C-alpha atoms as a PDB file:
ATOM      1  CA  UNK A   1     -25.715   9.246  14.239  1.00  0.00           C
ATOM      2  CA  UNK A   2     -28.360   8.022  11.803  1.00  0.00           C
ATOM      3  CA  UNK A   3     -27.695  10.778   9.247  1.00  0.00           C
ATOM      4  CA  UNK A   4     -23.946  10.124   9.351  1.00  0.00           C
ATOM      5  CA  UNK A   5     -24.515   6.422   8.804  1.00  0.00           C
ATOM      6  CA  UNK A   6     -26.877   7.052   5.871  1.00  0.00           C
ATOM      7  CA  UNK A   7     -24.365   9.418   4.290  1.00  0.00           C
ATOM      8  CA  UNK A   8     -21.523   6.894   4.604  1.00  0.00           C
ATOM      9  CA  UNK A   9     -23.624   4.085   3.132  1.00  0.00           C
ATOM     10  CA  UNK A  10     -25.389   6.030   0.360  1.00  0.00           C
ATOM     11  CA  UNK A  11     -22.490   8.268  -0.728  1.00  0.00           C
ATOM     12  CA  UNK A  12     -19.060   7.145   0.423  1.00  0.00           C
ATOM     13  CA  UNK A  13     -19.594   3.382   0.319  1.00  0.00           C
ATOM     14  CA  UNK A  14     -20.619   3.211  -3.388  1.00  0.00           C
ATOM     15  CA  UNK A  15     -17.879   5.677  -4.317  1.00  0.00           C
ATOM     16  CA  UNK A  16     -15.259   3.705  -2.422  1.00  0.00           C
ATOM     17  CA  UNK A  17     -16.450   0.361  -3.790  1.00  0.00           C
ATOM     18  CA  UNK A  18     -16.551   1.417  -7.440  1.00  0.00           C
ATOM     19  CA  UNK A  19     -13.128   3.078  -7.144  1.00  0.00           C
ATOM     20  CA  UNK A  20     -11.629  -0.095  -5.700  1.00  0.00           C
ATOM     21  CA  UNK A  21     -13.191  -2.230  -8.416  1.00  0.00           C
ATOM     22  CA  UNK A  22     -11.845   0.016 -11.169  1.00  0.00           C
ATOM     23  CA  UNK A  23      -8.373  -0.147  -9.616  1.00  0.00           C
ATOM     24  CA  UNK A  24      -8.566  -3.942  -9.306  1.00  0.00           C
ATOM     25  CA  UNK A  25      -9.706  -4.362 -12.926  1.00  0.00           C
ATOM     26  CA  UNK A  26      -6.893  -2.155 -14.231  1.00  0.00           C
ATOM     27  CA  UNK A  27      -4.264  -4.023 -12.196  1.00  0.00           C
ATOM     28  CA  UNK A  28      -5.612  -7.402 -13.280  1.00  0.00           C
ATOM     29  CA  UNK A  29      -5.554  -6.204 -16.911  1.00  0.00           C
ATOM     30  CA  UNK A  30      -1.909  -5.118 -16.909  1.00  0.00           C
ATOM     31  CA  UNK A  31      -0.270  -7.472 -14.399  1.00  0.00           C
ATOM     32  CA  UNK A  32      -2.041 -10.851 -14.432  1.00  0.00           C
ATOM     33  CA  UNK A  33      -2.482 -13.796 -16.759  1.00  0.00           C
ATOM     34  CA  UNK A  34      -3.840 -17.334 -16.559  1.00  0.00           C
ATOM     35  CA  UNK A  35      -1.521 -20.312 -16.338  1.00  0.00           C
ATOM     36  CA  UNK A  36      -1.109 -22.295 -19.559  1.00  0.00           C
ATOM     37  CA  UNK A  37       0.956 -25.094 -18.001  1.00  0.00           C
ATOM     38  CA  UNK A  38      -0.139 -28.648 -18.777  1.00  0.00           C
ATOM     39  CA  UNK A  39       0.776 -29.753 -15.249  1.00  0.00           C
ATOM     40  CA  UNK A  40      -1.437 -27.040 -13.807  1.00  0.00           C
ATOM     41  CA  UNK A  41      -4.342 -28.183 -15.950  1.00  0.00           C
ATOM     42  CA  UNK A  42      -3.920 -31.731 -14.635  1.00  0.00           C
ATOM     43  CA  UNK A  43      -3.975 -30.487 -11.049  1.00  0.00           C
ATOM     44  CA  UNK A  44      -7.071 -28.355 -11.696  1.00  0.00           C
ATOM     45  CA  UNK A  45      -9.661 -30.985 -10.727  1.00  0.00           C
ATOM     46  CA  UNK A  46      -8.018 -31.817  -7.408  1.00  0.00           C
ATOM     47  CA  UNK A  47      -7.420 -28.177  -6.509  1.00  0.00           C
ATOM     48  CA  UNK A  48     -10.937 -27.177  -7.561  1.00  0.00           C
ATOM     49  CA  UNK A  49     -12.491 -29.694  -5.178  1.00  0.00           C
ATOM     50  CA  UNK A  50     -10.436 -28.298  -2.304  1.00  0.00           C
ATOM     51  CA  UNK A  51     -11.264 -24.753  -3.407  1.00  0.00           C
ATOM     52  CA  UNK A  52     -14.988 -25.542  -3.398  1.00  0.00           C
ATOM     53  CA  UNK A  53     -14.783 -26.812   0.155  1.00  0.00           C
ATOM     54  CA  UNK A  54     -12.870 -23.751   1.342  1.00  0.00           C
ATOM     55  CA  UNK A  55     -15.241 -21.362  -0.451  1.00  0.00           C
ATOM     56  CA  UNK A  56     -18.378 -23.055   0.940  1.00  0.00           C
ATOM     57  CA  UNK A  57     -16.841 -22.930   4.394  1.00  0.00           C
ATOM     58  CA  UNK A  58     -16.141 -19.209   4.034  1.00  0.00           C
ATOM     59  CA  UNK A  59     -19.521 -18.239   2.571  1.00  0.00           C
ATOM     60  CA  UNK A  60     -21.937 -20.449   4.492  1.00  0.00           C
ATOM     61  CA  UNK A  61     -19.935 -21.329   7.592  1.00  0.00           C
ATOM     62  CA  UNK A  62     -18.796 -17.867   8.617  1.00  0.00           C
ATOM     63  CA  UNK A  63     -21.851 -16.219   7.076  1.00  0.00           C
ATOM     64  CA  UNK A  64     -24.329 -18.061   9.268  1.00  0.00           C
ATOM     65  CA  UNK A  65     -22.096 -18.202  12.337  1.00  0.00           C
ATOM     66  CA  UNK A  66     -23.399 -15.004  13.960  1.00  0.00           C
ATOM     67  CA  UNK A  67     -27.037 -15.171  12.859  1.00  0.00           C
ATOM     68  CA  UNK A  68     -28.117 -15.739  16.469  1.00  0.00           C
ATOM     69  CA  UNK A  69     -27.409 -12.056  17.205  1.00  0.00           C
ATOM     70  CA  UNK A  70     -30.809 -10.394  17.361  1.00  0.00           C
ATOM     71  CA  UNK A  71     -30.086  -7.167  15.490  1.00  0.00           C
ATOM     72  CA  UNK A  72     -27.225  -8.313  13.283  1.00  0.00           C
ATOM     73  CA  UNK A  73     -28.283 -11.676  11.860  1.00  0.00           C
ATOM     74  CA  UNK A  74     -28.813 -10.300   8.338  1.00  0.00           C
ATOM     75  CA  UNK A  75     -25.661  -8.198   8.580  1.00  0.00           C
ATOM     76  CA  UNK A  76     -23.687 -11.319   9.417  1.00  0.00           C
ATOM     77  CA  UNK A  77     -24.639 -12.980   6.121  1.00  0.00           C
ATOM     78  CA  UNK A  78     -24.643  -9.938   3.802  1.00  0.00           C
ATOM     79  CA  UNK A  79     -21.507  -8.278   5.170  1.00  0.00           C
ATOM     80  CA  UNK A  80     -19.729 -11.641   5.167  1.00  0.00           C
ATOM     81  CA  UNK A  81     -20.284 -12.104   1.423  1.00  0.00           C
ATOM     82  CA  UNK A  82     -19.352  -8.512   0.578  1.00  0.00           C
ATOM     83  CA  UNK A  83     -16.103  -8.596   2.573  1.00  0.00           C
ATOM     84  CA  UNK A  84     -15.206 -12.029   1.199  1.00  0.00           C
ATOM     85  CA  UNK A  85     -15.466 -11.091  -2.488  1.00  0.00           C
ATOM     86  CA  UNK A  86     -13.673  -7.792  -1.893  1.00  0.00           C
ATOM     87  CA  UNK A  87     -10.935  -9.421   0.164  1.00  0.00           C
ATOM     88  CA  UNK A  88     -10.341 -12.220  -2.351  1.00  0.00           C
ATOM     89  CA  UNK A  89      -9.563  -9.739  -5.153  1.00  0.00           C
ATOM     90  CA  UNK A  90      -7.100  -7.794  -3.010  1.00  0.00           C
ATOM     91  CA  UNK A  91      -5.528 -10.941  -1.558  1.00  0.00           C
ATOM     92  CA  UNK A  92      -4.980 -12.467  -5.015  1.00  0.00           C
ATOM     93  CA  UNK A  93      -3.130  -9.343  -6.177  1.00  0.00           C
ATOM     94  CA  UNK A  94      -1.032  -9.016  -3.023  1.00  0.00           C
ATOM     95  CA  UNK A  95      -0.178 -12.712  -2.974  1.00  0.00           C
ATOM     96  CA  UNK A  96       0.955 -12.482  -6.584  1.00  0.00           C
ATOM     97  CA  UNK A  97       2.994  -9.317  -6.104  1.00  0.00           C
ATOM     98  CA  UNK A  98       4.694 -10.620  -2.957  1.00  0.00           C
ATOM     99  CA  UNK A  99       5.475 -14.146  -4.174  1.00  0.00           C
ATOM    100  CA  UNK A 100       6.097 -13.596  -7.906  1.00  0.00           C
ATOM    101  CA  UNK A 101       8.302 -10.510  -7.834  1.00  0.00           C
ATOM    102  CA  UNK A 102      10.589 -11.788 -10.590  1.00  0.00           C
ATOM    103  CA  UNK A 103       7.789 -12.227 -13.121  1.00  0.00           C
ATOM    104  CA  UNK A 104       6.467  -9.448 -15.342  1.00  0.00           C
ATOM    105  CA  UNK A 105       2.946 -10.763 -14.940  1.00  0.00           C
ATOM    106  CA  UNK A 106       1.400 -12.654 -12.066  1.00  0.00           C
ATOM    107  CA  UNK A 107       0.123 -16.117 -12.917  1.00  0.00           C
ATOM    108  CA  UNK A 108      -3.415 -16.745 -11.683  1.00  0.00           C
ATOM    109  CA  UNK A 109      -4.197 -20.415 -11.110  1.00  0.00           C
ATOM    110  CA  UNK A 110      -6.520 -22.399  -8.859  1.00  0.00           C
ATOM    111  CA  UNK A 111      -4.059 -22.545  -5.984  1.00  0.00           C
ATOM    112  CA  UNK A 112      -3.635 -18.753  -5.966  1.00  0.00           C
ATOM    113  CA  UNK A 113      -7.402 -18.246  -5.824  1.00  0.00           C
ATOM    114  CA  UNK A 114      -7.597 -20.783  -3.025  1.00  0.00           C
ATOM    115  CA  UNK A 115      -4.891 -18.993  -1.024  1.00  0.00           C
ATOM    116  CA  UNK A 116      -6.643 -15.668  -1.627  1.00  0.00           C
ATOM    117  CA  UNK A 117      -9.908 -17.091  -0.286  1.00  0.00           C
ATOM    118  CA  UNK A 118      -8.168 -18.370   2.832  1.00  0.00           C
ATOM    119  CA  UNK A 119      -6.437 -15.022   3.376  1.00  0.00           C
ATOM    120  CA  UNK A 120      -9.753 -13.190   2.994  1.00  0.00           C
ATOM    121  CA  UNK A 121     -11.243 -15.513   5.615  1.00  0.00           C
ATOM    122  CA  UNK A 122      -9.185 -13.664   8.228  1.00  0.00           C
ATOM    123  CA  UNK A 123     -11.407 -10.628   7.634  1.00  0.00           C
ATOM    124  CA  UNK A 124     -14.533 -12.719   8.225  1.00  0.00           C
ATOM    125  CA  UNK A 125     -13.153 -13.810  11.596  1.00  0.00           C
ATOM    126  CA  UNK A 126     -12.363 -10.232  12.627  1.00  0.00           C
ATOM    127  CA  UNK A 127     -15.774  -9.063  11.416  1.00  0.00           C
ATOM    128  CA  UNK A 128     -17.388 -11.268  14.058  1.00  0.00           C
ATOM    129  CA  UNK A 129     -15.618  -9.201  16.715  1.00  0.00           C
ATOM    130  CA  UNK A 130     -16.670  -5.787  15.436  1.00  0.00           C
ATOM    131  CA  UNK A 131     -20.127  -6.706  14.107  1.00  0.00           C
ATOM    132  CA  UNK A 132     -22.599  -4.114  15.341  1.00  0.00           C
ATOM    133  CA  UNK A 133     -19.859  -1.684  16.341  1.00  0.00           C
ATOM    134  CA  UNK A 134     -18.855  -0.423  12.883  1.00  0.00           C
ATOM    135  CA  UNK A 135     -20.632   0.336   9.620  1.00  0.00           C
ATOM    136  CA  UNK A 136     -19.964  -1.255   6.242  1.00  0.00           C
ATOM    137  CA  UNK A 137     -17.649   1.515   5.039  1.00  0.00           C
ATOM    138  CA  UNK A 138     -15.457   1.022   8.092  1.00  0.00           C
ATOM    139  CA  UNK A 139     -15.460  -2.722   7.404  1.00  0.00           C
ATOM    140  CA  UNK A 140     -14.185  -2.041   3.875  1.00  0.00           C
ATOM    141  CA  UNK A 141     -11.298  -0.013   5.286  1.00  0.00           C
ATOM    142  CA  UNK A 142     -10.612  -2.766   7.819  1.00  0.00           C
ATOM    143  CA  UNK A 143     -10.554  -5.315   4.975  1.00  0.00           C
ATOM    144  CA  UNK A 144      -7.962  -3.369   3.002  1.00  0.00           C
ATOM    145  CA  UNK A 145      -5.698  -2.969   6.035  1.00  0.00           C
ATOM    146  CA  UNK A 146      -6.080  -6.497   7.392  1.00  0.00           C
ATOM    147  CA  UNK A 147      -5.581  -8.340   4.095  1.00  0.00           C
ATOM    148  CA  UNK A 148      -2.473  -6.259   3.407  1.00  0.00           C
ATOM    149  CA  UNK A 149      -1.090  -6.804   6.906  1.00  0.00           C
ATOM    150  CA  UNK A 150      -1.741 -10.538   6.897  1.00  0.00           C
ATOM    151  CA  UNK A 151      -0.238 -10.992   3.422  1.00  0.00           C
ATOM    152  CA  UNK A 152       2.898  -9.118   4.502  1.00  0.00           C
ATOM    153  CA  UNK A 153       3.083 -11.165   7.703  1.00  0.00           C
ATOM    154  CA  UNK A 154       2.916 -14.400   5.712  1.00  0.00           C
ATOM    155  CA  UNK A 155       5.677 -13.195   3.394  1.00  0.00           C
ATOM    156  CA  UNK A 156       7.937 -12.455   6.364  1.00  0.00           C
ATOM    157  CA  UNK A 157       7.118 -15.813   7.957  1.00  0.00           C
ATOM    158  CA  UNK A 158       7.891 -17.765   4.777  1.00  0.00           C
ATOM    159  CA  UNK A 159      10.940 -15.787   3.644  1.00  0.00           C
ATOM    160  CA  UNK A 160      12.726 -15.093   6.922  1.00  0.00           C
ATOM    161  CA  UNK A 161      11.339 -17.559   9.480  1.00  0.00           C
ATOM    162  CA  UNK A 162      11.423 -20.627   7.183  1.00  0.00           C
ATOM    163  CA  UNK A 163       7.740 -21.296   7.847  1.00  0.00           C
ATOM    164  CA  UNK A 164       5.994 -23.431   5.247  1.00  0.00           C
ATOM    165  CA  UNK A 165       2.898 -22.324   3.360  1.00  0.00           C
ATOM    166  CA  UNK A 166       0.510 -24.393   5.481  1.00  0.00           C
ATOM    167  CA  UNK A 167       1.694 -23.218   8.916  1.00  0.00           C
ATOM    168  CA  UNK A 168       1.889 -19.576   7.827  1.00  0.00           C
ATOM    169  CA  UNK A 169      -1.776 -19.748   6.829  1.00  0.00           C
ATOM    170  CA  UNK A 170      -2.975 -21.570   9.956  1.00  0.00           C
ATOM    171  CA  UNK A 171      -1.906 -18.667  12.178  1.00  0.00           C
ATOM    172  CA  UNK A 172      -4.661 -16.714  10.457  1.00  0.00           C
ATOM    173  CA  UNK A 173      -7.107 -17.497  13.286  1.00  0.00           C
ATOM    174  CA  UNK A 174      -4.926 -15.924  15.969  1.00  0.00           C
ATOM    175  CA  UNK A 175      -3.984 -12.986  13.742  1.00  0.00           C
ATOM    176  CA  UNK A 176      -7.615 -12.245  12.873  1.00  0.00           C
ATOM    177  CA  UNK A 177      -8.860 -12.520  16.458  1.00  0.00           C
ATOM    178  CA  UNK A 178      -6.240 -10.103  17.787  1.00  0.00           C
ATOM    179  CA  UNK A 179      -6.712  -7.779  14.820  1.00  0.00           C
ATOM    180  CA  UNK A 180     -10.444  -7.592  15.528  1.00  0.00           C
ATOM    181  CA  UNK A 181      -9.852  -6.957  19.224  1.00  0.00           C
ATOM    182  CA  UNK A 182      -7.359  -4.209  18.342  1.00  0.00           C
ATOM    183  CA  UNK A 183      -9.949  -2.536  16.112  1.00  0.00           C
ATOM    184  CA  UNK A 184     -12.506  -2.649  18.934  1.00  0.00           C
ATOM    185  CA  UNK A 185     -10.013  -1.126  21.370  1.00  0.00           C
ATOM    186  CA  UNK A 186      -9.304   1.710  18.925  1.00  0.00           C
ATOM    187  CA  UNK A 187     -12.991   2.527  18.564  1.00  0.00           C
ATOM    188  CA  UNK A 188     -14.953   4.624  20.979  1.00  0.00           C
ATOM    189  CA  UNK A 189     -16.605   2.380  23.538  1.00  0.00           C
ATOM    190  CA  UNK A 190     -20.348   2.085  22.848  1.00  0.00           C
ATOM    191  CA  UNK A 191     -22.970   2.889  25.420  1.00  0.00           C
ATOM    192  CA  UNK A 192     -23.706   0.003  27.829  1.00  0.00           C
ATOM    193  CA  UNK A 193     -27.186  -0.446  26.356  1.00  0.00           C
ATOM    194  CA  UNK A 194     -25.802  -0.726  22.821  1.00  0.00           C
ATOM    195  CA  UNK A 195     -23.169  -3.238  23.907  1.00  0.00           C
ATOM    196  CA  UNK A 196     -25.728  -5.350  25.729  1.00  0.00           C
ATOM    197  CA  UNK A 197     -28.087  -5.175  22.740  1.00  0.00           C
ATOM    198  CA  UNK A 198     -25.385  -6.588  20.465  1.00  0.00           C
ATOM    199  CA  UNK A 199     -25.049  -9.673  22.655  1.00  0.00           C
ATOM    200  CA  UNK A 200     -28.784 -10.376  22.886  1.00  0.00           C
ATOM    201  CA  UNK A 201     -29.740 -13.470  20.975  1.00  0.00           C
ATOM    202  CA  UNK A 202     -32.890 -14.446  19.159  1.00  0.00           C
ATOM    203  CA  UNK A 203     -34.383 -17.910  19.387  1.00  0.00           C
ATOM    204  CA  UNK A 204     -35.307 -18.543  15.747  1.00  0.00           C
ATOM    205  CA  UNK A 205     -31.940 -17.713  14.106  1.00  0.00           C
ATOM    206  CA  UNK A 206     -30.160 -20.146  16.463  1.00  0.00           C
ATOM    207  CA  UNK A 207     -30.945 -22.864  13.924  1.00  0.00           C
ATOM    208  CA  UNK A 208     -29.100 -20.886  11.243  1.00  0.00           C
ATOM    209  CA  UNK A 209     -26.143 -20.467  13.593  1.00  0.00           C
ATOM    210  CA  UNK A 210     -26.048 -24.223  13.919  1.00  0.00           C
ATOM    211  CA  UNK A 211     -26.203 -24.455  10.112  1.00  0.00           C
ATOM    212  CA  UNK A 212     -23.043 -22.381   9.906  1.00  0.00           C
ATOM    213  CA  UNK A 213     -21.423 -24.599  12.533  1.00  0.00           C
ATOM    214  CA  UNK A 214     -22.303 -27.708  10.534  1.00  0.00           C
ATOM    215  CA  UNK A 215     -20.749 -26.267   7.373  1.00  0.00           C
ATOM    216  CA  UNK A 216     -17.572 -25.457   9.293  1.00  0.00           C
ATOM    217  CA  UNK A 217     -17.544 -28.969  10.793  1.00  0.00           C
ATOM    218  CA  UNK A 218     -17.950 -30.648   7.398  1.00  0.00           C
ATOM    219  CA  UNK A 219     -15.397 -28.623   5.451  1.00  0.00           C
ATOM    220  CA  UNK A 220     -12.753 -27.886   8.088  1.00  0.00           C
ATOM    221  CA  UNK A 221     -10.637 -30.949   7.119  1.00  0.00           C
ATOM    222  CA  UNK A 222     -10.378 -29.549   3.583  1.00  0.00           C
ATOM    223  CA  UNK A 223      -9.419 -26.148   4.972  1.00  0.00           C
ATOM    224  CA  UNK A 224      -6.644 -27.595   7.147  1.00  0.00           C
ATOM    225  CA  UNK A 225      -5.238 -29.750   4.337  1.00  0.00           C
ATOM    226  CA  UNK A 226      -5.713 -27.456   1.318  1.00  0.00           C
ATOM    227  CA  UNK A 227      -2.152 -26.075   1.154  1.00  0.00           C
ATOM    228  CA  UNK A 228      -0.303 -29.342   1.801  1.00  0.00           C
ATOM    229  CA  UNK A 229       1.419 -30.798  -1.257  1.00  0.00           C
ATOM    230  CA  UNK A 230       2.294 -34.355  -0.181  1.00  0.00           C
ATOM    231  CA  UNK A 231      -0.521 -36.895  -0.261  1.00  0.00           C
ATOM    232  CA  UNK A 232       0.524 -38.408   3.073  1.00  0.00           C
ATOM    233  CA  UNK A 233       0.484 -35.003   4.784  1.00  0.00           C
ATOM    234  CA  UNK A 234      -2.961 -34.221   3.344  1.00  0.00           C
ATOM    235  CA  UNK A 235      -4.250 -37.568   4.589  1.00  0.00           C
ATOM    236  CA  UNK A 236      -2.900 -36.997   8.110  1.00  0.00           C
ATOM    237  CA  UNK A 237      -4.352 -33.475   8.201  1.00  0.00           C
ATOM    238  CA  UNK A 238      -7.816 -34.714   7.169  1.00  0.00           C
ATOM    239  CA  UNK A 239      -7.860 -37.587   9.653  1.00  0.00           C
ATOM    240  CA  UNK A 240      -6.525 -35.554  12.588  1.00  0.00           C
ATOM    241  CA  UNK A 241      -8.935 -32.697  11.933  1.00  0.00           C
ATOM    242  CA  UNK A 242     -11.895 -35.082  11.968  1.00  0.00           C
ATOM    243  CA  UNK A 243     -10.721 -36.691  15.207  1.00  0.00           C
ATOM    244  CA  UNK A 244     -10.182 -33.327  16.899  1.00  0.00           C
ATOM    245  CA  UNK A 245     -13.535 -31.964  15.701  1.00  0.00           C
ATOM    246  CA  UNK A 246     -15.397 -35.074  16.833  1.00  0.00           C
ATOM    247  CA  UNK A 247     -13.988 -34.958  20.356  1.00  0.00           C
ATOM    248  CA  UNK A 248     -14.321 -31.173  20.690  1.00  0.00           C
ATOM    249  CA  UNK A 249     -18.005 -31.449  19.701  1.00  0.00           C
ATOM    250  CA  UNK A 250     -18.675 -34.177  22.261  1.00  0.00           C
ATOM    251  CA  UNK A 251     -16.767 -32.178  24.879  1.00  0.00           C
ATOM    252  CA  UNK A 252     -18.767 -29.066  24.015  1.00  0.00           C
ATOM    253  CA  UNK A 253     -22.100 -30.827  24.513  1.00  0.00           C
ATOM    254  CA  UNK A 254     -21.018 -32.395  27.810  1.00  0.00           C
ATOM    255  CA  UNK A 255     -19.550 -29.135  29.163  1.00  0.00           C
ATOM    256  CA  UNK A 256     -22.656 -27.226  28.098  1.00  0.00           C
ATOM    257  CA  UNK A 257     -24.927 -29.651  29.953  1.00  0.00           C
ATOM    258  CA  UNK A 258     -22.726 -29.462  33.056  1.00  0.00           C
ATOM    259  CA  UNK A 259     -22.659 -25.661  32.992  1.00  0.00           C
ATOM    260  CA  UNK A 260     -26.469 -25.301  32.921  1.00  0.00           C
ATOM    261  CA  UNK A 261     -28.348 -25.763  36.236  1.00  0.00           C
ATOM    262  CA  UNK A 262     -31.018 -27.833  34.468  1.00  0.00           C
ATOM    263  CA  UNK A 263     -28.644 -29.706  32.177  1.00  0.00           C
ATOM    264  CA  UNK A 264     -29.781 -27.905  29.015  1.00  0.00           C
ATOM    265  CA  UNK A 265     -27.488 -27.613  26.004  1.00  0.00           C
ATOM    266  CA  UNK A 266     -26.493 -24.176  24.724  1.00  0.00           C
ATOM    267  CA  UNK A 267     -25.947 -24.111  20.955  1.00  0.00           C
ATOM    268  CA  UNK A 268     -23.456 -21.267  21.374  1.00  0.00           C
ATOM    269  CA  UNK A 269     -21.264 -23.545  23.467  1.00  0.00           C
ATOM    270  CA  UNK A 270     -21.302 -26.178  20.728  1.00  0.00           C
ATOM    271  CA  UNK A 271     -20.232 -23.853  17.948  1.00  0.00           C
ATOM    272  CA  UNK A 272     -17.500 -22.372  20.169  1.00  0.00           C
ATOM    273  CA  UNK A 273     -16.191 -25.871  20.864  1.00  0.00           C
ATOM    274  CA  UNK A 274     -16.297 -26.865  17.185  1.00  0.00           C
ATOM    275  CA  UNK A 275     -14.367 -23.744  16.213  1.00  0.00           C
ATOM    276  CA  UNK A 276     -11.810 -24.355  18.943  1.00  0.00           C
ATOM    277  CA  UNK A 277     -11.197 -27.920  17.820  1.00  0.00           C
ATOM    278  CA  UNK A 278     -10.651 -26.948  14.191  1.00  0.00           C
ATOM    279  CA  UNK A 279      -8.369 -24.041  15.050  1.00  0.00           C
ATOM    280  CA  UNK A 280      -6.301 -25.945  17.616  1.00  0.00           C
ATOM    281  CA  UNK A 281      -5.427 -28.774  15.236  1.00  0.00           C
ATOM    282  CA  UNK A 282      -4.857 -26.512  12.218  1.00  0.00           C
ATOM    283  CA  UNK A 283      -1.101 -25.860  12.314  1.00  0.00           C
ATOM    284  CA  UNK A 284       0.095 -29.297  13.577  1.00  0.00           C
ATOM    285  CA  UNK A 285      -2.549 -31.336  11.726  1.00  0.00           C
ATOM    286  CA  UNK A 286      -0.075 -32.991   9.352  1.00  0.00           C
ATOM    287  CA  UNK A 287       2.536 -33.601  12.082  1.00  0.00           C
ATOM    288  CA  UNK A 288       0.337 -35.696  14.402  1.00  0.00           C
ATOM    289  CA  UNK A 289       0.894 -39.406  13.729  1.00  0.00           C
ATOM    290  CA  UNK A 290      -1.441 -40.884  16.331  1.00  0.00           C
ATOM    291  CA  UNK A 291      -5.228 -40.351  16.517  1.00  0.00           C
ATOM    292  CA  UNK A 292      -5.268 -40.074  20.304  1.00  0.00           C
ATOM    293  CA  UNK A 293      -3.091 -36.945  20.202  1.00  0.00           C
ATOM    294  CA  UNK A 294      -5.587 -35.175  17.961  1.00  0.00           C
ATOM    295  CA  UNK A 295      -8.424 -36.356  20.184  1.00  0.00           C
ATOM    296  CA  UNK A 296      -6.742 -35.017  23.331  1.00  0.00           C
ATOM    297  CA  UNK A 297      -6.096 -31.715  21.549  1.00  0.00           C
ATOM    298  CA  UNK A 298      -9.767 -31.471  20.573  1.00  0.00           C
ATOM    299  CA  UNK A 299     -10.910 -32.283  24.091  1.00  0.00           C
ATOM    300  CA  UNK A 300      -8.678 -29.661  25.713  1.00  0.00           C
ATOM    301  CA  UNK A 301      -9.652 -27.056  23.097  1.00  0.00           C
ATOM    302  CA  UNK A 302     -13.367 -27.687  23.689  1.00  0.00           C
ATOM    303  CA  UNK A 303     -13.019 -27.380  27.461  1.00  0.00           C
ATOM    304  CA  UNK A 304     -10.984 -24.182  27.284  1.00  0.00           C
ATOM    305  CA  UNK A 305     -13.329 -22.544  24.762  1.00  0.00           C
ATOM    306  CA  UNK A 306     -16.468 -23.127  26.818  1.00  0.00           C
ATOM    307  CA  UNK A 307     -14.759 -22.254  30.100  1.00  0.00           C
ATOM    308  CA  UNK A 308     -13.452 -19.018  28.615  1.00  0.00           C
ATOM    309  CA  UNK A 309     -16.789 -18.158  27.019  1.00  0.00           C
ATOM    310  CA  UNK A 310     -18.654 -18.718  30.291  1.00  0.00           C
ATOM    311  CA  UNK A 311     -16.289 -17.177  32.816  1.00  0.00           C
ATOM    312  CA  UNK A 312     -14.148 -14.680  30.887  1.00  0.00           C
ATOM    313  CA  UNK A 313     -16.775 -12.604  29.101  1.00  0.00           C
ATOM    314  CA  UNK A 314     -16.041  -8.903  28.564  1.00  0.00           C
ATOM    315  CA  UNK A 315     -19.122  -7.075  27.228  1.00  0.00           C
ATOM    316  CA  UNK A 316     -17.165  -4.357  25.380  1.00  0.00           C
ATOM    317  CA  UNK A 317     -14.950  -6.984  23.706  1.00  0.00           C
ATOM    318  CA  UNK A 318     -17.601  -9.483  22.723  1.00  0.00           C
ATOM    319  CA  UNK A 319     -16.062 -11.875  20.217  1.00  0.00           C
ATOM    320  CA  UNK A 320     -18.291 -13.486  17.607  1.00  0.00           C
ATOM    321  CA  UNK A 321     -15.774 -16.074  16.461  1.00  0.00           C
END
């Protein structure tokens, strides 16, 4: 097992990575160009601020999310960055090819890079499911398949189901979770000891897990509002996301204290509740016109996430998201 892993990392991984990069560079050379529109240049500052928030959320938030795993804390951060930068390049090309079919060259602007980053985030979610069960070469293959599948799914949703850009992107969380679970089901089941070892947590990295949770909490409103064009819709999405996150966090702390015999708070419960609140309000964030609806949604999401995490655990399908 060790020799096979070393061969895949030392031989096939560099070969695969350099081949992909050469292909990407050639495609970018022949089929892409930067936008020279004056209107696009005026929108650059606003879009760049949203892009920064989304990129920080993807790098720090998801990178530090699984650092509490004893044997995979460093893998969580390093693999997260590698898959993100690889996925963004592929997602930018696919998004351009699928949405700009009539143009000879794809136009690369800030919004296209932002969409590519959000599409690549689906891989980071799925990676939390399979972390410790696959090697980095297998994660590269998973990235290529998942980014392609999600991009095609979004195209079908927008073109044939009349789904807007925002809603088609917000289903990323569900798509990524089920994609990761499907990958785990297709793999050979690990030995019980290996599966249990993946779920063992270390005390010191729990602080870094909370750091990732804080980054997600801070930047999730930008993530949920990034693709909305109208100022009023962006405002509603930001407000409702904050309300839902606030209540889901409070609910997570209360449920965690109730679930422990001595009333102690489990940091894992908190980050599960925060994630649930942000995901639950994602698609309808701009459609909710009353704060209490977002707050109820966050409360229910927090309760369900902790209840499911505590009572519906399956060791061979341990989800890190």
